[in-house]
Amino acid sequence: MSMNDDIKEYPIYTIRPDGGLMTAPWVTSVDDYNHSTHQIHHYILKGLYDRNREWYDEHNVKQKLFLLPIWVHEQVHLTAVKNMTDEEFKDRFGVSRWELLFNRNYSEY
């Protein structure tokens, strides 16, 4: 599947400036955002979701997408030059890292 197929299949969210999440209905294809500033991020890593869909269905964990500034996406995946702690991340964005990246130990499900 292409990213355009994923955009059609899964809901897309973004982080509100004041914290929390909001839907991003203006994103209907990869042509709808600036790739030099933003990236689409899968809540559940695409390969893991595709290989284990039955487990996610049994636990009612749904795939979703997030439109994130690149520097935020790096923080979610802990690949930034200077990574924020989980607490710093939540304080800065008003949302837990684990609401953006599924982790069996930290995400609520």
PDB file of N, CA and C in Angstrom:
ATOM      1  N   MET A   1       0.833  -1.196   0.000  1.00  0.00           N
ATOM      2  CA  MET A   1       0.000   0.000   0.000  1.00  0.00           C
ATOM      3  C   MET A   1       0.872   1.252   0.000  1.00  0.00           C
ATOM      4  N   SER A   2       0.384   2.275  -0.633  1.00  0.00           N
ATOM      5  CA  SER A   2       1.096   3.549  -0.628  1.00  0.00           C
ATOM      6  C   SER A   2       0.599   4.419   0.525  1.00  0.00           C
ATOM      7  N   MET A   3       1.312   5.491   0.802  1.00  0.00           N
ATOM      8  CA  MET A   3       0.877   6.421   1.843  1.00  0.00           C
ATOM      9  C   MET A   3      -0.488   7.013   1.485  1.00  0.00           C
ATOM     10  N   ASN A   4      -0.750   7.255   0.214  1.00  0.00           N
ATOM     11  CA  ASN A   4      -2.069   7.759  -0.169  1.00  0.00           C
ATOM     12  C   ASN A   4      -3.170   6.770   0.194  1.00  0.00           C
ATOM     13  N   ASP A   5      -2.890   5.468   0.046  1.00  0.00           N
ATOM     14  CA  ASP A   5      -3.867   4.453   0.452  1.00  0.00           C
ATOM     15  C   ASP A   5      -4.087   4.509   1.964  1.00  0.00           C
ATOM     16  N   ASP A   6      -3.011   4.659   2.722  1.00  0.00           N
ATOM     17  CA  ASP A   6      -3.132   4.756   4.182  1.00  0.00           C
ATOM     18  C   ASP A   6      -3.922   6.002   4.575  1.00  0.00           C
ATOM     19  N   ILE A   7      -3.686   7.109   3.894  1.00  0.00           N
ATOM     20  CA  ILE A   7      -4.410   8.347   4.196  1.00  0.00           C
ATOM     21  C   ILE A   7      -5.904   8.161   3.967  1.00  0.00           C
ATOM     22  N   LYS A   8      -6.266   7.396   2.958  1.00  0.00           N
ATOM     23  CA  LYS A   8      -7.689   7.132   2.690  1.00  0.00           C
ATOM     24  C   LYS A   8      -8.291   6.180   3.718  1.00  0.00           C
ATOM     25  N   GLU A   9      -7.471   5.268   4.247  1.00  0.00           N
ATOM     26  CA  GLU A   9      -7.989   4.225   5.135  1.00  0.00           C
ATOM     27  C   GLU A   9      -8.053   4.619   6.614  1.00  0.00           C
ATOM     28  N   TYR A  10      -7.105   5.430   7.082  1.00  0.00           N
ATOM     29  CA  TYR A  10      -7.002   5.706   8.513  1.00  0.00           C
ATOM     30  C   TYR A  10      -7.239   7.181   8.813  1.00  0.00           C
ATOM     31  N   PRO A  11      -7.786   7.482   9.992  1.00  0.00           N
ATOM     32  CA  PRO A  11      -7.978   8.888  10.363  1.00  0.00           C
ATOM     33  C   PRO A  11      -6.630   9.582  10.581  1.00  0.00           C
ATOM     34  N   ILE A  12      -6.606  10.884  10.302  1.00  0.00           N
ATOM     35  CA  ILE A  12      -5.378  11.673  10.438  1.00  0.00           C
ATOM     36  C   ILE A  12      -5.600  12.757  11.484  1.00  0.00           C
ATOM     37  N   TYR A  13      -4.613  12.927  12.345  1.00  0.00           N
ATOM     38  CA  TYR A  13      -4.650  13.917  13.410  1.00  0.00           C
ATOM     39  C   TYR A  13      -3.394  14.780  13.351  1.00  0.00           C
ATOM     40  N   THR A  14      -3.450  15.887  14.040  1.00  0.00           N
ATOM     41  CA  THR A  14      -2.286  16.731  14.244  1.00  0.00           C
ATOM     42  C   THR A  14      -2.347  17.264  15.673  1.00  0.00           C
ATOM     43  N   ILE A  15      -1.245  17.790  16.153  1.00  0.00           N
ATOM     44  CA  ILE A  15      -1.207  18.354  17.506  1.00  0.00           C
ATOM     45  C   ILE A  15      -1.682  19.800  17.451  1.00  0.00           C
ATOM     46  N   ARG A  16      -2.644  20.142  18.307  1.00  0.00           N
ATOM     47  CA  ARG A  16      -3.119  21.526  18.395  1.00  0.00           C
ATOM     48  C   ARG A  16      -2.037  22.400  19.005  1.00  0.00           C
ATOM     49  N   PRO A  17      -1.984  23.669  18.620  1.00  0.00           N
ATOM     50  CA  PRO A  17      -0.982  24.582  19.200  1.00  0.00           C
ATOM     51  C   PRO A  17      -1.086  24.700  20.720  1.00  0.00           C
ATOM     52  N   ASP A  18      -2.300  24.544  21.257  1.00  0.00           N
ATOM     53  CA  ASP A  18      -2.496  24.655  22.705  1.00  0.00           C
ATOM     54  C   ASP A  18      -2.437  23.303  23.410  1.00  0.00           C
ATOM     55  N   GLY A  19      -2.029  22.264  22.696  1.00  0.00           N
ATOM     56  CA  GLY A  19      -1.934  20.925  23.277  1.00  0.00           C
ATOM     57  C   GLY A  19      -3.096  20.050  22.869  1.00  0.00           C
ATOM     58  N   GLY A  20      -2.911  18.781  22.936  1.00  0.00           N
ATOM     59  CA  GLY A  20      -3.938  17.830  22.548  1.00  0.00           C
ATOM     60  C   GLY A  20      -3.943  17.583  21.050  1.00  0.00           C
ATOM     61  N   LEU A  21      -4.904  16.786  20.613  1.00  0.00           N
ATOM     62  CA  LEU A  21      -4.977  16.381  19.216  1.00  0.00           C
ATOM     63  C   LEU A  21      -6.244  16.907  18.562  1.00  0.00           C
ATOM     64  N   MET A  22      -6.161  17.115  17.251  1.00  0.00           N
ATOM     65  CA  MET A  22      -7.337  17.463  16.461  1.00  0.00           C
ATOM     66  C   MET A  22      -7.236  16.736  15.130  1.00  0.00           C
ATOM     67  N   THR A  23      -8.374  16.506  14.504  1.00  0.00           N
ATOM     68  CA  THR A  23      -8.367  15.849  13.211  1.00  0.00           C
ATOM     69  C   THR A  23      -7.779  16.791  12.165  1.00  0.00           C
ATOM     70  N   ALA A  24      -7.272  16.203  11.108  1.00  0.00           N
ATOM     71  CA  ALA A  24      -6.667  16.965  10.010  1.00  0.00           C
ATOM     72  C   ALA A  24      -7.369  16.585   8.700  1.00  0.00           C
ATOM     73  N   PRO A  25      -8.644  16.971   8.557  1.00  0.00           N
ATOM     74  CA  PRO A  25      -9.411  16.538   7.382  1.00  0.00           C
ATOM     75  C   PRO A  25      -8.914  17.131   6.070  1.00  0.00           C
ATOM     76  N   TRP A  26      -8.069  18.170   6.117  1.00  0.00           N
ATOM     77  CA  TRP A  26      -7.552  18.771   4.901  1.00  0.00           C
ATOM     78  C   TRP A  26      -6.505  17.884   4.226  1.00  0.00           C
ATOM     79  N   VAL A  27      -6.016  16.871   4.938  1.00  0.00           N
ATOM     80  CA  VAL A  27      -5.032  15.968   4.351  1.00  0.00           C
ATOM     81  C   VAL A  27      -5.779  14.794   3.716  1.00  0.00           C
ATOM     82  N   THR A  28      -5.834  14.809   2.401  1.00  0.00           N
ATOM     83  CA  THR A  28      -6.489  13.732   1.667  1.00  0.00           C
ATOM     84  C   THR A  28      -5.522  12.980   0.763  1.00  0.00           C
ATOM     85  N   SER A  29      -4.291  13.495   0.653  1.00  0.00           N
ATOM     86  CA  SER A  29      -3.237  12.825  -0.110  1.00  0.00           C
ATOM     87  C   SER A  29      -1.890  13.406   0.319  1.00  0.00           C
ATOM     88  N   VAL A  30      -0.823  12.829  -0.187  1.00  0.00           N
ATOM     89  CA  VAL A  30       0.510  13.321   0.149  1.00  0.00           C
ATOM     90  C   VAL A  30       0.792  14.682  -0.485  1.00  0.00           C
ATOM     91  N   ASP A  31      -0.075  15.122  -1.366  1.00  0.00           N
ATOM     92  CA  ASP A  31       0.086  16.441  -1.998  1.00  0.00           C
ATOM     93  C   ASP A  31      -0.417  17.576  -1.108  1.00  0.00           C
ATOM     94  N   ASP A  32      -1.020  17.256   0.033  1.00  0.00           N
ATOM     95  CA  ASP A  32      -1.694  18.265   0.856  1.00  0.00           C
ATOM     96  C   ASP A  32      -0.854  18.824   1.993  1.00  0.00           C
ATOM     97  N   TYR A  33       0.427  18.507   2.049  1.00  0.00           N
ATOM     98  CA  TYR A  33       1.288  19.074   3.093  1.00  0.00           C
ATOM     99  C   TYR A  33       2.697  19.252   2.542  1.00  0.00           C
ATOM    100  N   ASN A  34       3.456  20.089   3.211  1.00  0.00           N
ATOM    101  CA  ASN A  34       4.816  20.414   2.790  1.00  0.00           C
ATOM    102  C   ASN A  34       5.775  19.363   3.348  1.00  0.00           C
ATOM    103  N   HIS A  35       6.362  18.574   2.479  1.00  0.00           N
ATOM    104  CA  HIS A  35       7.243  17.480   2.899  1.00  0.00           C
ATOM    105  C   HIS A  35       8.581  17.959   3.454  1.00  0.00           C
ATOM    106  N   SER A  36       8.912  19.213   3.225  1.00  0.00           N
ATOM    107  CA  SER A  36      10.171  19.714   3.789  1.00  0.00           C
ATOM    108  C   SER A  36       9.997  20.166   5.238  1.00  0.00           C
ATOM    109  N   THR A  37       8.740  20.276   5.711  1.00  0.00           N
ATOM    110  CA  THR A  37       8.495  20.687   7.093  1.00  0.00           C
ATOM    111  C   THR A  37       7.703  19.661   7.906  1.00  0.00           C
ATOM    112  N   HIS A  38       6.934  18.802   7.231  1.00  0.00           N
ATOM    113  CA  HIS A  38       6.043  17.861   7.923  1.00  0.00           C
ATOM    114  C   HIS A  38       6.185  16.448   7.361  1.00  0.00           C
ATOM    115  N   GLN A  39       5.811  15.483   8.210  1.00  0.00           N
ATOM    116  CA  GLN A  39       5.783  14.079   7.810  1.00  0.00           C
ATOM    117  C   GLN A  39       4.528  13.427   8.365  1.00  0.00           C
ATOM    118  N   ILE A  40       4.068  12.403   7.660  1.00  0.00           N
ATOM    119  CA  ILE A  40       2.968  11.583   8.164  1.00  0.00           C
ATOM    120  C   ILE A  40       3.589  10.455   8.989  1.00  0.00           C
ATOM    121  N   HIS A  41       3.030  10.250  10.158  1.00  0.00           N
ATOM    122  CA  HIS A  41       3.535   9.255  11.105  1.00  0.00           C
ATOM    123  C   HIS A  41       2.424   8.255  11.408  1.00  0.00           C
ATOM    124  N   HIS A  42       2.747   6.972  11.386  1.00  0.00           N
ATOM    125  CA  HIS A  42       1.807   5.905  11.762  1.00  0.00           C
ATOM    126  C   HIS A  42       1.850   5.699  13.280  1.00  0.00           C
ATOM    127  N   TYR A  43       0.689   5.633  13.899  1.00  0.00           N
ATOM    128  CA  TYR A  43       0.597   5.349  15.333  1.00  0.00           C
ATOM    129  C   TYR A  43       1.258   4.008  15.644  1.00  0.00           C
ATOM    130  N   ILE A  44       0.913   2.994  14.866  1.00  0.00           N
ATOM    131  CA  ILE A  44       1.533   1.671  14.978  1.00  0.00           C
ATOM    132  C   ILE A  44       2.434   1.537  13.760  1.00  0.00           C
ATOM    133  N   LEU A  45       3.698   1.240  13.974  1.00  0.00           N
ATOM    134  CA  LEU A  45       4.602   1.098  12.836  1.00  0.00           C
ATOM    135  C   LEU A  45       3.947   0.228  11.770  1.00  0.00           C
ATOM    136  N   LYS A  46       3.976   0.703  10.543  1.00  0.00           N
ATOM    137  CA  LYS A  46       3.226   0.075   9.454  1.00  0.00           C
ATOM    138  C   LYS A  46       3.490  -1.426   9.328  1.00  0.00           C
ATOM    139  N   GLY A  47       4.752  -1.824   9.323  1.00  0.00           N
ATOM    140  CA  GLY A  47       5.075  -3.241   9.186  1.00  0.00           C
ATOM    141  C   GLY A  47       4.549  -4.080  10.338  1.00  0.00           C
ATOM    142  N   LEU A  48       4.663  -3.561  11.561  1.00  0.00           N
ATOM    143  CA  LEU A  48       4.143  -4.280  12.733  1.00  0.00           C
ATOM    144  C   LEU A  48       2.634  -4.426  12.656  1.00  0.00           C
ATOM    145  N   TYR A  49       1.963  -3.355  12.257  1.00  0.00           N
ATOM    146  CA  TYR A  49       0.508  -3.411  12.157  1.00  0.00           C
ATOM    147  C   TYR A  49       0.074  -4.426  11.098  1.00  0.00           C
ATOM    148  N   ASP A  50       0.707  -4.377   9.946  1.00  0.00           N
ATOM    149  CA  ASP A  50       0.336  -5.296   8.861  1.00  0.00           C
ATOM    150  C   ASP A  50       0.579  -6.752   9.250  1.00  0.00           C
ATOM    151  N   ARG A  51       1.674  -7.029   9.962  1.00  0.00           N
ATOM    152  CA  ARG A  51       1.996  -8.412  10.339  1.00  0.00           C
ATOM    153  C   ARG A  51       1.167  -8.927  11.519  1.00  0.00           C
ATOM    154  N   ASN A  52       0.653  -8.017  12.367  1.00  0.00           N
ATOM    155  CA  ASN A  52      -0.035  -8.437  13.597  1.00  0.00           C
ATOM    156  C   ASN A  52      -1.437  -7.864  13.712  1.00  0.00           C
ATOM    157  N   ARG A  53      -2.096  -7.645  12.604  1.00  0.00           N
ATOM    158  CA  ARG A  53      -3.400  -6.994  12.617  1.00  0.00           C
ATOM    159  C   ARG A  53      -4.402  -7.723  13.510  1.00  0.00           C
ATOM    160  N   GLU A  54      -4.340  -9.030  13.534  1.00  0.00           N
ATOM    161  CA  GLU A  54      -5.266  -9.801  14.375  1.00  0.00           C
ATOM    162  C   GLU A  54      -5.112  -9.428  15.852  1.00  0.00           C
ATOM    163  N   TRP A  55      -3.862  -9.304  16.343  1.00  0.00           N
ATOM    164  CA  TRP A  55      -3.635  -8.940  17.740  1.00  0.00           C
ATOM    165  C   TRP A  55      -4.207  -7.552  18.029  1.00  0.00           C
ATOM    166  N   TYR A  56      -3.947  -6.589  17.144  1.00  0.00           N
ATOM    167  CA  TYR A  56      -4.451  -5.236  17.348  1.00  0.00           C
ATOM    168  C   TYR A  56      -5.974  -5.224  17.334  1.00  0.00           C
ATOM    169  N   ASP A  57      -6.586  -5.990  16.444  1.00  0.00           N
ATOM    170  CA  ASP A  57      -8.047  -6.075  16.408  1.00  0.00           C
ATOM    171  C   ASP A  57      -8.590  -6.675  17.702  1.00  0.00           C
ATOM    172  N   GLU A  58      -7.972  -7.731  18.191  1.00  0.00           N
ATOM    173  CA  GLU A  58      -8.407  -8.379  19.434  1.00  0.00           C
ATOM    174  C   GLU A  58      -8.321  -7.424  20.620  1.00  0.00           C
ATOM    175  N   HIS A  59      -7.351  -6.511  20.616  1.00  0.00           N
ATOM    176  CA  HIS A  59      -7.161  -5.563  21.715  1.00  0.00           C
ATOM    177  C   HIS A  59      -7.767  -4.191  21.423  1.00  0.00           C
ATOM    178  N   ASN A  60      -8.513  -4.115  20.336  1.00  0.00           N
ATOM    179  CA  ASN A  60      -9.204  -2.882  19.938  1.00  0.00           C
ATOM    180  C   ASN A  60      -8.244  -1.685  19.816  1.00  0.00           C
ATOM    181  N   VAL A  61      -7.079  -1.944  19.269  1.00  0.00           N
ATOM    182  CA  VAL A  61      -6.088  -0.894  19.019  1.00  0.00           C
ATOM    183  C   VAL A  61      -6.181  -0.553  17.538  1.00  0.00           C
ATOM    184  N   LYS A  62      -6.523   0.679  17.248  1.00  0.00           N
ATOM    185  CA  LYS A  62      -6.751   1.116  15.868  1.00  0.00           C
ATOM    186  C   LYS A  62      -5.555   1.883  15.326  1.00  0.00           C
ATOM    187  N   GLN A  63      -5.272   1.643  14.068  1.00  0.00           N
ATOM    188  CA  GLN A  63      -4.227   2.410  13.385  1.00  0.00           C
ATOM    189  C   GLN A  63      -4.736   3.821  13.122  1.00  0.00           C
ATOM    190  N   LYS A  64      -3.876   4.783  13.190  1.00  0.00           N
ATOM    191  CA  LYS A  64      -4.190   6.166  12.857  1.00  0.00           C
ATOM    192  C   LYS A  64      -2.912   6.832  12.392  1.00  0.00           C
ATOM    193  N   LEU A  65      -3.061   7.979  11.770  1.00  0.00           N
ATOM    194  CA  LEU A  65      -1.930   8.725  11.241  1.00  0.00           C
ATOM    195  C   LEU A  65      -1.858  10.078  11.910  1.00  0.00           C
ATOM    196  N   PHE A  66      -0.654  10.634  11.946  1.00  0.00           N
ATOM    197  CA  PHE A  66      -0.439  11.964  12.512  1.00  0.00           C
ATOM    198  C   PHE A  66       0.396  12.778  11.542  1.00  0.00           C
ATOM    199  N   LEU A  67      -0.047  13.997  11.275  1.00  0.00           N
ATOM    200  CA  LEU A  67       0.744  14.950  10.505  1.00  0.00           C
ATOM    201  C   LEU A  67       1.562  15.742  11.513  1.00  0.00           C
ATOM    202  N   LEU A  68       2.874  15.572  11.459  1.00  0.00           N
ATOM    203  CA  LEU A  68       3.741  16.173  12.468  1.00  0.00           C
ATOM    204  C   LEU A  68       4.865  16.979  11.813  1.00  0.00           C
ATOM    205  N   PRO A  69       5.242  18.096  12.438  1.00  0.00           N
ATOM    206  CA  PRO A  69       6.483  18.741  12.003  1.00  0.00           C
ATOM    207  C   PRO A  69       7.629  17.730  12.144  1.00  0.00           C
ATOM    208  N   ILE A  70       8.579  17.798  11.246  1.00  0.00           N
ATOM    209  CA  ILE A  70       9.672  16.821  11.237  1.00  0.00           C
ATOM    210  C   ILE A  70      10.371  16.748  12.590  1.00  0.00           C
ATOM    211  N   TRP A  71      10.634  17.894  13.220  1.00  0.00           N
ATOM    212  CA  TRP A  71      11.354  17.873  14.497  1.00  0.00           C
ATOM    213  C   TRP A  71      10.532  17.207  15.596  1.00  0.00           C
ATOM    214  N   VAL A  72       9.199  17.294  15.518  1.00  0.00           N
ATOM    215  CA  VAL A  72       8.348  16.601  16.494  1.00  0.00           C
ATOM    216  C   VAL A  72       8.377  15.098  16.201  1.00  0.00           C
ATOM    217  N   HIS A  73       8.310  14.738  14.930  1.00  0.00           N
ATOM    218  CA  HIS A  73       8.366  13.331  14.536  1.00  0.00           C
ATOM    219  C   HIS A  73       9.662  12.693  15.045  1.00  0.00           C
ATOM    220  N   GLU A  74      10.771  13.427  14.980  1.00  0.00           N
ATOM    221  CA  GLU A  74      12.038  12.917  15.509  1.00  0.00           C
ATOM    222  C   GLU A  74      11.964  12.713  17.020  1.00  0.00           C
ATOM    223  N   GLN A  75      11.261  13.592  17.717  1.00  0.00           N
ATOM    224  CA  GLN A  75      11.087  13.438  19.167  1.00  0.00           C
ATOM    225  C   GLN A  75      10.230  12.212  19.485  1.00  0.00           C
ATOM    226  N   VAL A  76       9.200  11.975  18.701  1.00  0.00           N
ATOM    227  CA  VAL A  76       8.334  10.814  18.935  1.00  0.00           C
ATOM    228  C   VAL A  76       9.158   9.532  18.865  1.00  0.00           C
ATOM    229  N   HIS A  77      10.034   9.457  17.873  1.00  0.00           N
ATOM    230  CA  HIS A  77      10.834   8.246  17.668  1.00  0.00           C
ATOM    231  C   HIS A  77      12.162   8.262  18.416  1.00  0.00           C
ATOM    232  N   LEU A  78      12.389   9.303  19.226  1.00  0.00           N
ATOM    233  CA  LEU A  78      13.633   9.418  19.996  1.00  0.00           C
ATOM    234  C   LEU A  78      14.861   9.396  19.088  1.00  0.00           C
ATOM    235  N   THR A  79      14.766  10.103  17.952  1.00  0.00           N
ATOM    236  CA  THR A  79      15.898  10.180  17.022  1.00  0.00           C
ATOM    237  C   THR A  79      16.403  11.604  16.854  1.00  0.00           C
ATOM    238  N   ALA A  80      15.932  12.521  17.692  1.00  0.00           N
ATOM    239  CA  ALA A  80      16.372  13.913  17.608  1.00  0.00           C
ATOM    240  C   ALA A  80      17.793  14.040  18.147  1.00  0.00           C
ATOM    241  N   VAL A  81      18.434  15.152  17.852  1.00  0.00           N
ATOM    242  CA  VAL A  81      19.778  15.404  18.367  1.00  0.00           C
ATOM    243  C   VAL A  81      19.750  15.431  19.892  1.00  0.00           C
ATOM    244  N   LYS A  82      18.749  16.123  20.463  1.00  0.00           N
ATOM    245  CA  LYS A  82      18.545  16.120  21.908  1.00  0.00           C
ATOM    246  C   LYS A  82      17.105  15.699  22.168  1.00  0.00           C
ATOM    247  N   ASN A  83      16.944  14.511  22.694  1.00  0.00           N
ATOM    248  CA  ASN A  83      15.609  13.975  22.927  1.00  0.00           C
ATOM    249  C   ASN A  83      15.007  14.490  24.227  1.00  0.00           C
ATOM    250  N   MET A  84      13.721  14.763  24.173  1.00  0.00           N
ATOM    251  CA  MET A  84      12.969  15.142  25.368  1.00  0.00           C
ATOM    252  C   MET A  84      12.616  13.887  26.154  1.00  0.00           C
ATOM    253  N   THR A  85      12.525  14.024  27.462  1.00  0.00           N
ATOM    254  CA  THR A  85      11.996  12.936  28.270  1.00  0.00           C
ATOM    255  C   THR A  85      10.502  12.850  27.997  1.00  0.00           C
ATOM    256  N   ASP A  86       9.865  11.777  28.451  1.00  0.00           N
ATOM    257  CA  ASP A  86       8.418  11.651  28.285  1.00  0.00           C
ATOM    258  C   ASP A  86       7.685  12.817  28.939  1.00  0.00           C
ATOM    259  N   GLU A  87       8.158  13.239  30.110  1.00  0.00           N
ATOM    260  CA  GLU A  87       7.520  14.345  30.829  1.00  0.00           C
ATOM    261  C   GLU A  87       7.699  15.663  30.074  1.00  0.00           C
ATOM    262  N   GLU A  88       8.902  15.920  29.576  1.00  0.00           N
ATOM    263  CA  GLU A  88       9.151  17.138  28.795  1.00  0.00           C
ATOM    264  C   GLU A  88       8.284  17.158  27.537  1.00  0.00           C
ATOM    265  N   PHE A  89       8.151  16.014  26.896  1.00  0.00           N
ATOM    266  CA  PHE A  89       7.338  15.915  25.689  1.00  0.00           C
ATOM    267  C   PHE A  89       5.883  16.285  25.993  1.00  0.00           C
ATOM    268  N   LYS A  90       5.343  15.692  27.055  1.00  0.00           N
ATOM    269  CA  LYS A  90       3.949  15.969  27.407  1.00  0.00           C
ATOM    270  C   LYS A  90       3.768  17.424  27.825  1.00  0.00           C
ATOM    271  N   ASP A  91       4.696  17.974  28.570  1.00  0.00           N
ATOM    272  CA  ASP A  91       4.615  19.378  28.973  1.00  0.00           C
ATOM    273  C   ASP A  91       4.650  20.300  27.755  1.00  0.00           C
ATOM    274  N   ARG A  92       5.483  19.989  26.789  1.00  0.00           N
ATOM    275  CA  ARG A  92       5.654  20.852  25.605  1.00  0.00           C
ATOM    276  C   ARG A  92       4.469  20.768  24.652  1.00  0.00           C
ATOM    277  N   PHE A  93       3.928  19.557  24.430  1.00  0.00           N
ATOM    278  CA  PHE A  93       2.910  19.359  23.396  1.00  0.00           C
ATOM    279  C   PHE A  93       1.508  19.106  23.935  1.00  0.00           C
ATOM    280  N   GLY A  94       1.381  18.905  25.234  1.00  0.00           N
ATOM    281  CA  GLY A  94       0.055  18.660  25.808  1.00  0.00           C
ATOM    282  C   GLY A  94      -0.515  17.308  25.448  1.00  0.00           C
ATOM    283  N   VAL A  95       0.339  16.411  25.026  1.00  0.00           N
ATOM    284  CA  VAL A  95      -0.061  15.054  24.653  1.00  0.00           C
ATOM    285  C   VAL A  95       1.120  14.134  24.947  1.00  0.00           C
ATOM    286  N   SER A  96       0.829  12.943  25.392  1.00  0.00           N
ATOM    287  CA  SER A  96       1.880  11.974  25.684  1.00  0.00           C
ATOM    288  C   SER A  96       2.488  11.434  24.391  1.00  0.00           C
ATOM    289  N   ARG A  97       3.763  11.169  24.421  1.00  0.00           N
ATOM    290  CA  ARG A  97       4.433  10.513  23.282  1.00  0.00           C
ATOM    291  C   ARG A  97       3.702   9.222  22.934  1.00  0.00           C
ATOM    292  N   TRP A  98       3.162   8.553  23.957  1.00  0.00           N
ATOM    293  CA  TRP A  98       2.542   7.237  23.762  1.00  0.00           C
ATOM    294  C   TRP A  98       1.127   7.329  23.225  1.00  0.00           C
ATOM    295  N   GLU A  99       0.612   8.547  23.045  1.00  0.00           N
ATOM    296  CA  GLU A  99      -0.631   8.735  22.292  1.00  0.00           C
ATOM    297  C   GLU A  99      -0.328   8.831  20.801  1.00  0.00           C
ATOM    298  N   LEU A 100       0.930   9.059  20.474  1.00  0.00           N
ATOM    299  CA  LEU A 100       1.359   9.211  19.091  1.00  0.00           C
ATOM    300  C   LEU A 100       2.095   7.988  18.562  1.00  0.00           C
ATOM    301  N   LEU A 101       2.619   7.176  19.462  1.00  0.00           N
ATOM    302  CA  LEU A 101       3.383   5.994  19.079  1.00  0.00           C
ATOM    303  C   LEU A 101       2.953   4.845  19.984  1.00  0.00           C
ATOM    304  N   PHE A 102       2.350   3.818  19.395  1.00  0.00           N
ATOM    305  CA  PHE A 102       1.863   2.702  20.203  1.00  0.00           C
ATOM    306  C   PHE A 102       3.024   1.931  20.812  1.00  0.00           C
ATOM    307  N   ASN A 103       2.889   1.657  22.097  1.00  0.00           N
ATOM    308  CA  ASN A 103       3.852   0.857  22.834  1.00  0.00           C
ATOM    309  C   ASN A 103       3.050   0.026  23.834  1.00  0.00           C
ATOM    310  N   ARG A 104       3.191  -1.274  23.786  1.00  0.00           N
ATOM    311  CA  ARG A 104       2.389  -2.149  24.661  1.00  0.00           C
ATOM    312  C   ARG A 104       2.589  -1.845  26.140  1.00  0.00           C
ATOM    313  N   ASN A 105       3.755  -1.301  26.512  1.00  0.00           N
ATOM    314  CA  ASN A 105       4.024  -1.010  27.911  1.00  0.00           C
ATOM    315  C   ASN A 105       3.513   0.350  28.364  1.00  0.00           C
ATOM    316  N   TYR A 106       3.381   1.306  27.452  1.00  0.00           N
ATOM    317  CA  TYR A 106       3.061   2.673  27.860  1.00  0.00           C
ATOM    318  C   TYR A 106       1.733   3.200  27.324  1.00  0.00           C
ATOM    319  N   SER A 107       1.295   2.726  26.169  1.00  0.00           N
ATOM    320  CA  SER A 107       0.051   3.226  25.581  1.00  0.00           C
ATOM    321  C   SER A 107      -1.152   2.630  26.297  1.00  0.00           C
ATOM    322  N   GLU A 108      -2.229   3.411  26.354  1.00  0.00           N
ATOM    323  CA  GLU A 108      -3.468   2.902  26.955  1.00  0.00           C
ATOM    324  C   GLU A 108      -4.247   2.145  25.900  1.00  0.00           C
ATOM    325  N   TYR A 109      -4.676   0.926  26.264  1.00  0.00           N
ATOM    326  CA  TYR A 109      -5.525   0.133  25.366  1.00  0.00           C
ATOM    327  C   TYR A 109      -6.288  -0.889  26.149  1.00  0.00           C
TER     328      TYR A 109
END
